[in-house]
Amino acid sequence: MELKMNIAELQAFLDDAFPQVAGDFEFVSIAPKEVVMALSASEKHLRPGGTVSGPSMFALADVSAYFAILSMIGPVGLAVTTNCAIDFMRKPGPGRLLCRMQLLKLGRVLAVCEGRLFSEGTEDVPVARASLTYSIPPSDKST
């Protein structure tokens, strides 16, 4: 399968569709069925004790899965998360957090992704693992 959207197109879609969070996320790399995204965890992403919050890590995993799917199907704004399971394994400190998300299955209606989150510079030691399922809306064949 070939990519339907490159990094510039994905970034433009993120900026347009989700301006409220677009500045939080950065595309690091993209390949067929895989995206690597980053979150530069600042003070607003931290919980007491100086660790990146669970909701911030969830957001990175969810956004990464969404764009791994869109990179393969094109700009489908209404693809939505239907399930997510995330295991928090270690405490990431402030700084850059990476998510390597792989698209495991891309069907007509559902897509399944799995990703690992790492603190930058320690890519061999995951801080979390996430599994996500997305619902893909039917394509309008009448247009």
C-alpha atoms as a PDB file:
ATOM      1  CA  MET A   1       0.000   0.000   0.000  1.00  0.00           C
ATOM      2  CA  GLU A   2       1.135   3.502  -0.777  1.00  0.00           C
ATOM      3  CA  LEU A   3       0.823   6.591   1.357  1.00  0.00           C
ATOM      4  CA  LYS A   4      -2.137   8.816   0.485  1.00  0.00           C
ATOM      5  CA  MET A   5      -0.838  11.759   2.557  1.00  0.00           C
ATOM      6  CA  ASN A   6       2.704  12.932   3.245  1.00  0.00           C
ATOM      7  CA  ILE A   7       3.952  14.742   6.343  1.00  0.00           C
ATOM      8  CA  ALA A   8       3.190  18.213   4.944  1.00  0.00           C
ATOM      9  CA  GLU A   9      -0.382  17.195   4.067  1.00  0.00           C
ATOM     10  CA  LEU A  10      -0.909  15.529   7.448  1.00  0.00           C
ATOM     11  CA  GLN A  11       0.437  18.619   9.240  1.00  0.00           C
ATOM     12  CA  ALA A  12      -1.860  20.893   7.231  1.00  0.00           C
ATOM     13  CA  PHE A  13      -4.842  18.675   8.112  1.00  0.00           C
ATOM     14  CA  LEU A  14      -3.870  18.682  11.813  1.00  0.00           C
ATOM     15  CA  ASP A  15      -3.473  22.480  11.787  1.00  0.00           C
ATOM     16  CA  ASP A  16      -6.831  22.985  10.049  1.00  0.00           C
ATOM     17  CA  ALA A  17      -8.984  20.353  11.792  1.00  0.00           C
ATOM     18  CA  PHE A  18      -7.492  20.510  15.300  1.00  0.00           C
ATOM     19  CA  PRO A  19      -5.982  23.982  15.820  1.00  0.00           C
ATOM     20  CA  GLN A  20      -6.523  23.735  19.588  1.00  0.00           C
ATOM     21  CA  VAL A  21      -3.857  20.981  19.900  1.00  0.00           C
ATOM     22  CA  ALA A  22      -1.890  21.227  16.655  1.00  0.00           C
ATOM     23  CA  GLY A  23       1.040  22.970  18.353  1.00  0.00           C
ATOM     24  CA  ASP A  24       1.464  20.098  20.811  1.00  0.00           C
ATOM     25  CA  PHE A  25       2.304  17.422  18.237  1.00  0.00           C
ATOM     26  CA  GLU A  26       5.037  17.035  15.640  1.00  0.00           C
ATOM     27  CA  PHE A  27       5.435  14.532  12.821  1.00  0.00           C
ATOM     28  CA  VAL A  28       8.877  12.893  13.068  1.00  0.00           C
ATOM     29  CA  SER A  29       8.657  10.312  10.290  1.00  0.00           C
ATOM     30  CA  ILE A  30       6.156   8.471   8.159  1.00  0.00           C
ATOM     31  CA  ALA A  31       6.204   5.241   6.174  1.00  0.00           C
ATOM     32  CA  PRO A  32       3.464   3.001   4.839  1.00  0.00           C
ATOM     33  CA  LYS A  33       1.456   1.785   7.846  1.00  0.00           C
ATOM     34  CA  GLU A  34       3.686   3.596  10.362  1.00  0.00           C
ATOM     35  CA  VAL A  35       3.991   7.067  11.820  1.00  0.00           C
ATOM     36  CA  VAL A  36       6.296   8.465  14.472  1.00  0.00           C
ATOM     37  CA  MET A  37       5.023  11.533  16.290  1.00  0.00           C
ATOM     38  CA  ALA A  38       6.396  13.615  19.139  1.00  0.00           C
ATOM     39  CA  LEU A  39       4.951  15.544  22.040  1.00  0.00           C
ATOM     40  CA  SER A  40       7.226  18.107  23.657  1.00  0.00           C
ATOM     41  CA  ALA A  41       5.954  17.672  27.196  1.00  0.00           C
ATOM     42  CA  SER A  42       5.845  21.075  28.846  1.00  0.00           C
ATOM     43  CA  GLU A  43       4.498  22.139  32.230  1.00  0.00           C
ATOM     44  CA  LYS A  44       0.881  21.779  31.042  1.00  0.00           C
ATOM     45  CA  HIS A  45       1.485  18.066  30.280  1.00  0.00           C
ATOM     46  CA  LEU A  46       2.908  17.195  33.690  1.00  0.00           C
ATOM     47  CA  ARG A  47       1.273  15.820  36.797  1.00  0.00           C
ATOM     48  CA  PRO A  48       2.531  16.285  40.361  1.00  0.00           C
ATOM     49  CA  GLY A  49       5.941  14.702  40.705  1.00  0.00           C
ATOM     50  CA  GLY A  50       7.111  15.976  37.321  1.00  0.00           C
ATOM     51  CA  THR A  51       6.005  13.029  35.172  1.00  0.00           C
ATOM     52  CA  VAL A  52       4.057  13.280  31.922  1.00  0.00           C
ATOM     53  CA  SER A  53       0.367  12.758  32.661  1.00  0.00           C
ATOM     54  CA  GLY A  54      -1.589   9.738  31.476  1.00  0.00           C
ATOM     55  CA  PRO A  55      -4.020  11.893  29.475  1.00  0.00           C
ATOM     56  CA  SER A  56      -1.085  13.503  27.634  1.00  0.00           C
ATOM     57  CA  MET A  57       0.373  10.082  26.777  1.00  0.00           C
ATOM     58  CA  PHE A  58      -3.082   8.882  25.689  1.00  0.00           C
ATOM     59  CA  ALA A  59      -3.436  11.953  23.461  1.00  0.00           C
ATOM     60  CA  LEU A  60      -0.092  11.239  21.788  1.00  0.00           C
ATOM     61  CA  ALA A  61      -1.051   7.602  21.154  1.00  0.00           C
ATOM     62  CA  ASP A  62      -4.516   8.534  19.863  1.00  0.00           C
ATOM     63  CA  VAL A  63      -3.256  11.280  17.541  1.00  0.00           C
ATOM     64  CA  SER A  64      -0.511   8.972  16.252  1.00  0.00           C
ATOM     65  CA  ALA A  65      -3.008   6.195  15.452  1.00  0.00           C
ATOM     66  CA  TYR A  66      -5.355   8.669  13.751  1.00  0.00           C
ATOM     67  CA  PHE A  67      -2.616   9.954  11.480  1.00  0.00           C
ATOM     68  CA  ALA A  68      -1.190   6.496  10.760  1.00  0.00           C
ATOM     69  CA  ILE A  69      -4.652   5.664   9.400  1.00  0.00           C
ATOM     70  CA  LEU A  70      -5.155   8.940   7.526  1.00  0.00           C
ATOM     71  CA  SER A  71      -1.758   8.583   5.883  1.00  0.00           C
ATOM     72  CA  MET A  72      -3.130   5.432   4.216  1.00  0.00           C
ATOM     73  CA  ILE A  73      -6.756   6.427   3.489  1.00  0.00           C
ATOM     74  CA  GLY A  74      -6.544  10.175   2.965  1.00  0.00           C
ATOM     75  CA  PRO A  75      -8.180  13.080   4.827  1.00  0.00           C
ATOM     76  CA  VAL A  76     -11.192  11.410   6.457  1.00  0.00           C
ATOM     77  CA  GLY A  77     -12.097  13.716   9.318  1.00  0.00           C
ATOM     78  CA  LEU A  78     -14.763  11.487  10.836  1.00  0.00           C
ATOM     79  CA  ALA A  79     -12.613   8.420  11.512  1.00  0.00           C
ATOM     80  CA  VAL A  80     -13.051   7.958  15.266  1.00  0.00           C
ATOM     81  CA  THR A  81     -11.543   5.972  18.111  1.00  0.00           C
ATOM     82  CA  THR A  82     -13.784   3.070  19.127  1.00  0.00           C
ATOM     83  CA  ASN A  83     -11.422   1.377  21.570  1.00  0.00           C
ATOM     84  CA  CYS A  84      -8.137   2.094  23.314  1.00  0.00           C
ATOM     85  CA  ALA A  85      -6.098   0.145  25.823  1.00  0.00           C
ATOM     86  CA  ILE A  86      -2.919   1.681  27.174  1.00  0.00           C
ATOM     87  CA  ASP A  87      -0.368   0.220  29.560  1.00  0.00           C
ATOM     88  CA  PHE A  88       1.709   2.758  31.473  1.00  0.00           C
ATOM     89  CA  MET A  89       5.014   1.029  32.259  1.00  0.00           C
ATOM     90  CA  ARG A  90       7.469   3.736  33.355  1.00  0.00           C
ATOM     91  CA  LYS A  91       7.351   7.392  34.352  1.00  0.00           C
ATOM     92  CA  PRO A  92       8.492   9.667  31.542  1.00  0.00           C
ATOM     93  CA  GLY A  93       9.905  12.963  32.688  1.00  0.00           C
ATOM     94  CA  PRO A  94       9.390  16.317  31.006  1.00  0.00           C
ATOM     95  CA  GLY A  95      10.836  16.668  27.547  1.00  0.00           C
ATOM     96  CA  ARG A  96      10.171  15.095  24.208  1.00  0.00           C
ATOM     97  CA  LEU A  97       8.017  11.975  24.142  1.00  0.00           C
ATOM     98  CA  LEU A  98       7.877   9.864  20.965  1.00  0.00           C
ATOM     99  CA  CYS A  99       5.215   7.441  19.749  1.00  0.00           C
ATOM    100  CA  ARG A 100       5.924   4.857  17.069  1.00  0.00           C
ATOM    101  CA  MET A 101       2.487   3.763  15.830  1.00  0.00           C
ATOM    102  CA  GLN A 102       1.953   0.863  13.443  1.00  0.00           C
ATOM    103  CA  LEU A 103      -1.199   0.168  11.485  1.00  0.00           C
ATOM    104  CA  LEU A 104      -1.777  -3.577  11.947  1.00  0.00           C
ATOM    105  CA  LYS A 105      -5.066  -3.929  10.030  1.00  0.00           C
ATOM    106  CA  LEU A 106      -6.835  -1.592   7.669  1.00  0.00           C
ATOM    107  CA  GLY A 107     -10.290  -2.803   6.699  1.00  0.00           C
ATOM    108  CA  ARG A 108     -13.283  -1.077   5.100  1.00  0.00           C
ATOM    109  CA  VAL A 109     -14.840  -0.215   8.470  1.00  0.00           C
ATOM    110  CA  LEU A 110     -12.219  -0.792  11.171  1.00  0.00           C
ATOM    111  CA  ALA A 111      -8.521  -0.104  11.581  1.00  0.00           C
ATOM    112  CA  VAL A 112      -6.329  -1.546  14.332  1.00  0.00           C
ATOM    113  CA  CYS A 113      -3.097   0.105  15.499  1.00  0.00           C
ATOM    114  CA  GLU A 114      -0.429  -0.626  18.069  1.00  0.00           C
ATOM    115  CA  GLY A 115       2.133   1.812  19.371  1.00  0.00           C
ATOM    116  CA  ARG A 116       4.930   2.274  21.856  1.00  0.00           C
ATOM    117  CA  LEU A 117       5.796   5.506  23.597  1.00  0.00           C
ATOM    118  CA  PHE A 118       9.368   6.436  24.527  1.00  0.00           C
ATOM    119  CA  SER A 119      11.219   9.305  26.098  1.00  0.00           C
ATOM    120  CA  GLU A 120      13.540  10.706  23.442  1.00  0.00           C
ATOM    121  CA  GLY A 121      16.970   9.108  23.639  1.00  0.00           C
ATOM    122  CA  THR A 122      15.683   5.932  25.294  1.00  0.00           C
ATOM    123  CA  GLU A 123      13.854   4.307  22.386  1.00  0.00           C
ATOM    124  CA  ASP A 124      14.785   0.839  23.676  1.00  0.00           C
ATOM    125  CA  VAL A 125      12.855   1.404  26.952  1.00  0.00           C
ATOM    126  CA  PRO A 126       9.126   2.020  26.327  1.00  0.00           C
ATOM    127  CA  VAL A 127       7.201   4.096  28.855  1.00  0.00           C
ATOM    128  CA  ALA A 128       3.802   2.947  27.534  1.00  0.00           C
ATOM    129  CA  ARG A 129       2.170   0.624  25.028  1.00  0.00           C
ATOM    130  CA  ALA A 130      -1.164   1.356  23.355  1.00  0.00           C
ATOM    131  CA  SER A 131      -3.612  -0.586  21.223  1.00  0.00           C
ATOM    132  CA  LEU A 132      -6.317   1.353  19.385  1.00  0.00           C
ATOM    133  CA  THR A 133      -9.229   0.524  17.105  1.00  0.00           C
ATOM    134  CA  TYR A 134     -10.769   3.152  14.842  1.00  0.00           C
ATOM    135  CA  SER A 135     -14.050   3.207  12.971  1.00  0.00           C
ATOM    136  CA  ILE A 136     -13.766   4.447   9.400  1.00  0.00           C
ATOM    137  CA  PRO A 137     -16.903   6.089   7.980  1.00  0.00           C
ATOM    138  CA  PRO A 138     -18.282   4.689   4.737  1.00  0.00           C
ATOM    139  CA  SER A 139     -16.995   6.431   1.655  1.00  0.00           C
ATOM    140  CA  ASP A 140     -19.554   8.362  -0.362  1.00  0.00           C
ATOM    141  CA  LYS A 141     -19.522   6.679  -3.761  1.00  0.00           C
ATOM    142  CA  SER A 142     -22.149   9.049  -5.162  1.00  0.00           C
ATOM    143  CA  THR A 143     -19.717  11.949  -5.634  1.00  0.00           C
END
